[in-house]
Protein backbone atom coordinates (compact mmCIF):
# COMPACT_ATOMS: atom_id res chain seq x y z
CA UNK A 1 57.86 95.07 -14.63
CA UNK A 2 56.14 95.84 -11.44
CA UNK A 3 56.23 93.01 -8.72
CA UNK A 4 54.11 93.16 -5.47
CA UNK A 5 56.17 91.47 -2.54
CA UNK A 6 54.23 88.45 -0.63
CA UNK A 7 54.87 86.91 2.48
CA UNK A 8 56.23 83.63 0.60
CA UNK A 9 58.73 86.65 -0.51
CA UNK A 10 59.87 87.66 2.94
CA UNK A 11 59.96 84.14 4.24
CA UNK A 12 62.07 82.98 1.34
CA UNK A 13 64.28 86.39 2.29
CA UNK A 14 64.65 85.96 6.11
CA UNK A 15 65.36 81.41 5.35
CA UNK A 16 68.10 82.78 2.73
CA UNK A 17 69.62 85.42 5.50
CA UNK A 18 69.54 83.16 8.03
CA UNK A 19 71.43 80.38 6.41
CA UNK A 20 73.99 82.38 5.45
CA UNK A 21 74.57 84.46 8.26
CA UNK A 22 74.46 81.27 11.13
CA UNK A 23 74.12 78.05 9.35
CA UNK A 24 74.70 76.04 12.53
CA UNK A 25 71.53 77.95 14.37
CA UNK A 26 70.51 75.70 17.11
CA UNK A 27 66.35 75.72 17.44
CA UNK A 28 66.26 74.26 20.42
CA UNK A 29 66.79 78.33 21.47
CA UNK A 30 63.95 79.69 19.26
CA UNK A 31 60.57 80.11 20.04
CA UNK A 32 57.60 80.79 17.99
CA UNK A 33 55.18 83.90 17.93
CA UNK A 34 52.03 82.80 16.32
CA UNK A 35 50.62 85.44 14.15
CA UNK A 36 46.88 85.60 14.47
CA UNK A 37 44.93 84.75 10.69
CA UNK A 38 43.64 88.24 9.50
CA UNK A 39 46.52 89.94 11.13
CA UNK A 40 47.82 93.58 8.88
CA UNK A 41 50.61 92.54 6.63
CA UNK A 42 52.59 96.14 7.20
CA UNK A 43 52.31 95.09 10.33
CA UNK A 44 53.99 91.25 10.03
CA UNK A 45 56.72 93.13 7.72
CA UNK A 46 57.52 95.53 10.33
CA UNK A 47 58.08 92.46 13.18
CA UNK A 48 60.39 90.52 10.48
CA UNK A 49 62.90 93.70 10.33
CA UNK A 50 62.44 95.01 13.33
CA UNK A 51 62.87 92.18 15.83
CA UNK A 52 65.43 90.10 13.06
CA UNK A 53 62.49 86.92 13.28
CA UNK A 54 62.31 84.47 11.10
CA UNK A 55 58.72 83.70 9.49
CA UNK A 56 57.48 80.30 9.16
CA UNK A 57 54.77 78.24 8.40
CA UNK A 58 53.52 75.60 10.88
CA UNK A 59 50.55 73.06 11.10
CA UNK A 60 48.25 73.92 13.82
CA UNK A 61 45.49 72.61 15.23
CA UNK A 62 42.38 75.24 14.78
CA UNK A 63 38.74 75.24 16.16
CA UNK A 64 36.70 76.07 13.01
CA UNK A 65 34.39 73.85 11.59
CA UNK A 66 35.73 71.19 8.57
CA UNK A 67 38.86 71.91 9.94
CA UNK A 68 41.41 70.20 12.09
CA UNK A 69 44.62 71.47 11.41
CA UNK A 70 45.50 74.44 9.27
CA UNK A 71 48.92 76.26 8.18
CA UNK A 72 49.62 79.55 9.99
CA UNK A 73 52.23 82.11 10.22
CA UNK A 74 54.74 82.44 13.15
CA UNK A 75 57.50 84.41 13.54
CA UNK A 76 60.50 82.52 15.23
CA UNK A 77 63.12 83.64 17.07
CA UNK A 78 65.06 84.33 20.50
CA UNK A 79 62.93 84.65 23.93
CA UNK A 80 63.37 88.13 24.42
CA UNK A 81 62.91 89.46 21.14
CA UNK A 82 59.64 87.46 20.34
CA UNK A 83 58.38 88.47 24.04
CA UNK A 84 58.83 92.50 22.51
CA UNK A 85 57.53 91.62 19.06
CA UNK A 86 54.54 90.14 20.28
CA UNK A 87 53.73 93.26 22.76
CA UNK A 88 54.58 95.05 19.47
CA UNK A 89 51.75 93.39 17.60
CA UNK A 90 49.02 93.63 20.34
CA UNK A 91 49.89 97.53 20.42
CA UNK A 92 50.04 98.03 16.07
CA UNK A 93 46.85 95.97 16.14
CA UNK A 94 45.16 97.93 19.00
CA UNK A 95 45.79 100.74 17.33
CA UNK A 96 44.94 99.78 13.66
CA UNK A 97 41.21 98.53 15.03
CA UNK A 98 41.30 101.69 17.42
CA UNK A 99 41.75 103.81 13.64
CA UNK A 100 39.12 102.17 11.91
């Protein structure tokens, strides 16, 4: 049977890998890259795999009518990797928009 992977599968996989590889990882040294809603899923997969970031969800205040908080996807990792991933994200999104 064919199964399509989704973001929940990716999050679960990365959490399992992180626990197995380094259970004593301190979160004070980690930073979050907020993924804008509507980001192309293939770009998110590339960010996670290429930069080794951990995908998690986080509740944040948003300026949408009838909604004070929304769960958003963030990619967590060391500052250098998050900054490189942010640059990659914006380049890829720009290329994707210009291609359409």
